Amino acid sequence: MRRWLKNNLLFHLDGARLWNALVQTNTKASDYGKIFDSISVCLSKGL
C-alpha cells in the first residue's frame, strides 16, 4: 500500500453492505470516511 500511496492512488469503497458492517463492528461511518477518498452505499441491500 505504501507504494500506491506514494503515487497518490485514491481509494474507493464499494459499500453495498456498509450498513451491515457498521452494525456488526459497532463502527461509525465517519471512520470509513477517514480511510477512503470516496464511498458509495446502497439503500436496498441489507436493510
PDB file of N, CA and C in Angstrom:
ATOM      1  N   MET A   1       0.815  -1.188   0.000  1.00  0.00           N
ATOM      2  CA  MET A   1       0.000   0.000   0.000  1.00  0.00           C
ATOM      3  C   MET A   1       0.858   1.252   0.000  1.00  0.00           C
ATOM      4  N   ARG A   2       1.992   1.198   0.632  1.00  0.00           N
ATOM      5  CA  ARG A   2       2.843   2.393   0.668  1.00  0.00           C
ATOM      6  C   ARG A   2       3.198   2.865  -0.738  1.00  0.00           C
ATOM      7  N   ARG A   3       3.461   1.905  -1.624  1.00  0.00           N
ATOM      8  CA  ARG A   3       3.818   2.266  -2.999  1.00  0.00           C
ATOM      9  C   ARG A   3       2.659   2.991  -3.671  1.00  0.00           C
ATOM     10  N   TRP A   4       1.440   2.507  -3.452  1.00  0.00           N
ATOM     11  CA  TRP A   4       0.274   3.146  -4.053  1.00  0.00           C
ATOM     12  C   TRP A   4       0.068   4.540  -3.481  1.00  0.00           C
ATOM     13  N   LEU A   5       0.243   4.671  -2.174  1.00  0.00           N
ATOM     14  CA  LEU A   5       0.049   5.976  -1.549  1.00  0.00           C
ATOM     15  C   LEU A   5       1.071   6.988  -2.052  1.00  0.00           C
ATOM     16  N   LYS A   6       2.280   6.538  -2.298  1.00  0.00           N
ATOM     17  CA  LYS A   6       3.310   7.434  -2.828  1.00  0.00           C
ATOM     18  C   LYS A   6       2.934   7.949  -4.209  1.00  0.00           C
ATOM     19  N   ASN A   7       2.145   7.162  -4.947  1.00  0.00           N
ATOM     20  CA  ASN A   7       1.726   7.553  -6.293  1.00  0.00           C
ATOM     21  C   ASN A   7       0.369   8.246  -6.299  1.00  0.00           C
ATOM     22  N   ASN A   8      -0.106   8.644  -5.130  1.00  0.00           N
ATOM     23  CA  ASN A   8      -1.375   9.370  -4.979  1.00  0.00           C
ATOM     24  C   ASN A   8      -2.574   8.601  -5.526  1.00  0.00           C
ATOM     25  N   LEU A   9      -2.556   7.282  -5.398  1.00  0.00           N
ATOM     26  CA  LEU A   9      -3.696   6.471  -5.806  1.00  0.00           C
ATOM     27  C   LEU A   9      -4.838   6.691  -4.823  1.00  0.00           C
ATOM     28  N   LEU A  10      -6.016   6.957  -5.343  1.00  0.00           N
ATOM     29  CA  LEU A  10      -7.179   7.182  -4.489  1.00  0.00           C
ATOM     30  C   LEU A  10      -7.860   5.861  -4.175  1.00  0.00           C
ATOM     31  N   PHE A  11      -8.502   5.787  -3.013  1.00  0.00           N
ATOM     32  CA  PHE A  11      -9.177   4.570  -2.581  1.00  0.00           C
ATOM     33  C   PHE A  11     -10.680   4.768  -2.562  1.00  0.00           C
ATOM     34  N   HIS A  12     -11.396   3.833  -3.193  1.00  0.00           N
ATOM     35  CA  HIS A  12     -12.859   3.862  -3.246  1.00  0.00           C
ATOM     36  C   HIS A  12     -13.402   2.636  -2.533  1.00  0.00           C
ATOM     37  N   LEU A  13     -14.444   2.823  -1.751  1.00  0.00           N
ATOM     38  CA  LEU A  13     -15.117   1.713  -1.075  1.00  0.00           C
ATOM     39  C   LEU A  13     -16.475   1.499  -1.718  1.00  0.00           C
ATOM     40  N   ASP A  14     -16.673   0.306  -2.281  1.00  0.00           N
ATOM     41  CA  ASP A  14     -17.993  -0.071  -2.775  1.00  0.00           C
ATOM     42  C   ASP A  14     -18.752  -0.579  -1.564  1.00  0.00           C
ATOM     43  N   GLY A  15     -19.494   0.300  -0.932  1.00  0.00           N
ATOM     44  CA  GLY A  15     -20.134  -0.008   0.338  1.00  0.00           C
ATOM     45  C   GLY A  15     -21.539  -0.541   0.210  1.00  0.00           C
ATOM     46  N   ALA A  16     -21.752  -1.495  -0.695  1.00  0.00           N
ATOM     47  CA  ALA A  16     -23.093  -2.045  -0.898  1.00  0.00           C
ATOM     48  C   ALA A  16     -23.673  -2.580   0.404  1.00  0.00           C
ATOM     49  N   ARG A  17     -22.833  -3.139   1.235  1.00  0.00           N
ATOM     50  CA  ARG A  17     -23.299  -3.677   2.518  1.00  0.00           C
ATOM     51  C   ARG A  17     -22.614  -2.977   3.686  1.00  0.00           C
ATOM     52  N   LEU A  18     -22.302  -1.715   3.488  1.00  0.00           N
ATOM     53  CA  LEU A  18     -21.636  -0.941   4.537  1.00  0.00           C
ATOM     54  C   LEU A  18     -22.484  -0.872   5.795  1.00  0.00           C
ATOM     55  N   TRP A  19     -23.798  -0.735   5.637  1.00  0.00           N
ATOM     56  CA  TRP A  19     -24.673  -0.636   6.819  1.00  0.00           C
ATOM     57  C   TRP A  19     -24.528  -1.881   7.687  1.00  0.00           C
ATOM     58  N   ASN A  20     -24.457  -3.060   7.058  1.00  0.00           N
ATOM     59  CA  ASN A  20     -24.295  -4.312   7.805  1.00  0.00           C
ATOM     60  C   ASN A  20     -22.976  -4.304   8.577  1.00  0.00           C
ATOM     61  N   ALA A  21     -21.918  -3.868   7.924  1.00  0.00           N
ATOM     62  CA  ALA A  21     -20.602  -3.840   8.559  1.00  0.00           C
ATOM     63  C   ALA A  21     -20.580  -2.874   9.737  1.00  0.00           C
ATOM     64  N   LEU A  22     -21.243  -1.739   9.601  1.00  0.00           N
ATOM     65  CA  LEU A  22     -21.275  -0.762  10.690  1.00  0.00           C
ATOM     66  C   LEU A  22     -21.952  -1.340  11.923  1.00  0.00           C
ATOM     67  N   VAL A  23     -23.065  -2.009  11.721  1.00  0.00           N
ATOM     68  CA  VAL A  23     -23.792  -2.606  12.846  1.00  0.00           C
ATOM     69  C   VAL A  23     -22.979  -3.741  13.460  1.00  0.00           C
ATOM     70  N   GLN A  24     -22.420  -4.588  12.626  1.00  0.00           N
ATOM     71  CA  GLN A  24     -21.692  -5.769  13.105  1.00  0.00           C
ATOM     72  C   GLN A  24     -20.439  -5.395  13.892  1.00  0.00           C
ATOM     73  N   THR A  25     -19.763  -4.323  13.492  1.00  0.00           N
ATOM     74  CA  THR A  25     -18.492  -3.950  14.121  1.00  0.00           C
ATOM     75  C   THR A  25     -18.621  -2.782  15.086  1.00  0.00           C
ATOM     76  N   ASN A  26     -19.836  -2.233  15.221  1.00  0.00           N
ATOM     77  CA  ASN A  26     -20.066  -1.068  16.087  1.00  0.00           C
ATOM     78  C   ASN A  26     -19.116   0.080  15.719  1.00  0.00           C
ATOM     79  N   THR A  27     -18.991   0.304  14.419  1.00  0.00           N
ATOM     80  CA  THR A  27     -18.118   1.338  13.878  1.00  0.00           C
ATOM     81  C   THR A  27     -18.961   2.482  13.332  1.00  0.00           C
ATOM     82  N   LYS A  28     -18.411   3.696  13.362  1.00  0.00           N
ATOM     83  CA  LYS A  28     -19.109   4.846  12.797  1.00  0.00           C
ATOM     84  C   LYS A  28     -18.765   4.974  11.311  1.00  0.00           C
ATOM     85  N   ALA A  29     -19.712   5.437  10.535  1.00  0.00           N
ATOM     86  CA  ALA A  29     -19.478   5.633   9.103  1.00  0.00           C
ATOM     87  C   ALA A  29     -18.342   6.628   8.874  1.00  0.00           C
ATOM     88  N   SER A  30     -18.211   7.589   9.746  1.00  0.00           N
ATOM     89  CA  SER A  30     -17.152   8.591   9.596  1.00  0.00           C
ATOM     90  C   SER A  30     -15.758   7.964   9.697  1.00  0.00           C
ATOM     91  N   ASP A  31     -15.644   6.840  10.405  1.00  0.00           N
ATOM     92  CA  ASP A  31     -14.350   6.151  10.478  1.00  0.00           C
ATOM     93  C   ASP A  31     -13.932   5.642   9.105  1.00  0.00           C
ATOM     94  N   TYR A  32     -14.888   5.149   8.331  1.00  0.00           N
ATOM     95  CA  TYR A  32     -14.593   4.705   6.969  1.00  0.00           C
ATOM     96  C   TYR A  32     -14.257   5.909   6.085  1.00  0.00           C
ATOM     97  N   GLY A  33     -14.912   7.015   6.336  1.00  0.00           N
ATOM     98  CA  GLY A  33     -14.653   8.219   5.562  1.00  0.00           C
ATOM     99  C   GLY A  33     -13.241   8.748   5.732  1.00  0.00           C
ATOM    100  N   LYS A  34     -12.623   8.440   6.847  1.00  0.00           N
ATOM    101  CA  LYS A  34     -11.242   8.865   7.091  1.00  0.00           C
ATOM    102  C   LYS A  34     -10.249   8.038   6.282  1.00  0.00           C
ATOM    103  N   ILE A  35     -10.660   6.835   5.886  1.00  0.00           N
ATOM    104  CA  ILE A  35      -9.763   5.917   5.183  1.00  0.00           C
ATOM    105  C   ILE A  35      -9.888   6.040   3.669  1.00  0.00           C
ATOM    106  N   PHE A  36     -11.128   6.176   3.178  1.00  0.00           N
ATOM    107  CA  PHE A  36     -11.387   6.147   1.740  1.00  0.00           C
ATOM    108  C   PHE A  36     -11.628   7.546   1.194  1.00  0.00           C
ATOM    109  N   ASP A  37     -11.273   7.739  -0.069  1.00  0.00           N
ATOM    110  CA  ASP A  37     -11.496   9.018  -0.740  1.00  0.00           C
ATOM    111  C   ASP A  37     -12.920   9.153  -1.238  1.00  0.00           C
ATOM    112  N   SER A  38     -13.552   8.031  -1.571  1.00  0.00           N
ATOM    113  CA  SER A  38     -14.954   8.040  -1.991  1.00  0.00           C
ATOM    114  C   SER A  38     -15.613   6.750  -1.518  1.00  0.00           C
ATOM    115  N   ILE A  39     -16.911   6.851  -1.236  1.00  0.00           N
ATOM    116  CA  ILE A  39     -17.689   5.706  -0.767  1.00  0.00           C
ATOM    117  C   ILE A  39     -19.044   5.755  -1.446  1.00  0.00           C
ATOM    118  N   SER A  40     -19.474   4.608  -1.980  1.00  0.00           N
ATOM    119  CA  SER A  40     -20.839   4.514  -2.491  1.00  0.00           C
ATOM    120  C   SER A  40     -21.593   3.554  -1.583  1.00  0.00           C
ATOM    121  N   VAL A  41     -22.842   3.851  -1.337  1.00  0.00           N
ATOM    122  CA  VAL A  41     -23.657   2.985  -0.488  1.00  0.00           C
ATOM    123  C   VAL A  41     -24.929   2.607  -1.228  1.00  0.00           C
ATOM    124  N   CYS A  42     -25.516   1.508  -0.825  1.00  0.00           N
ATOM    125  CA  CYS A  42     -26.755   1.031  -1.420  1.00  0.00           C
ATOM    126  C   CYS A  42     -27.842   1.081  -0.359  1.00  0.00           C
ATOM    127  N   LEU A  43     -28.971   1.631  -0.704  1.00  0.00           N
ATOM    128  CA  LEU A  43     -30.062   1.752   0.259  1.00  0.00           C
ATOM    129  C   LEU A  43     -31.027   0.582   0.206  1.00  0.00           C
ATOM    130  N   SER A  44     -30.771  -0.409  -0.646  1.00  0.00           N
ATOM    131  CA  SER A  44     -31.701  -1.534  -0.733  1.00  0.00           C
ATOM    132  C   SER A  44     -31.102  -2.863  -0.276  1.00  0.00           C
ATOM    133  N   LYS A  45     -29.808  -2.916  -0.047  1.00  0.00           N
ATOM    134  CA  LYS A  45     -29.181  -4.172   0.381  1.00  0.00           C
ATOM    135  C   LYS A  45     -28.994  -4.173   1.890  1.00  0.00           C
ATOM    136  N   GLY A  46     -29.461  -5.224   2.502  1.00  0.00           N
ATOM    137  CA  GLY A  46     -29.222  -5.415   3.923  1.00  0.00           C
ATOM    138  C   GLY A  46     -30.085  -4.596   4.855  1.00  0.00           C
ATOM    139  N   LEU A  47     -31.117  -3.956   4.325  1.00  0.00           N
ATOM    140  CA  LEU A  47     -31.972  -3.150   5.205  1.00  0.00           C
ATOM    141  C   LEU A  47     -33.112  -3.971   5.735  1.00  0.00           C
TER     142      LEU A  47
END
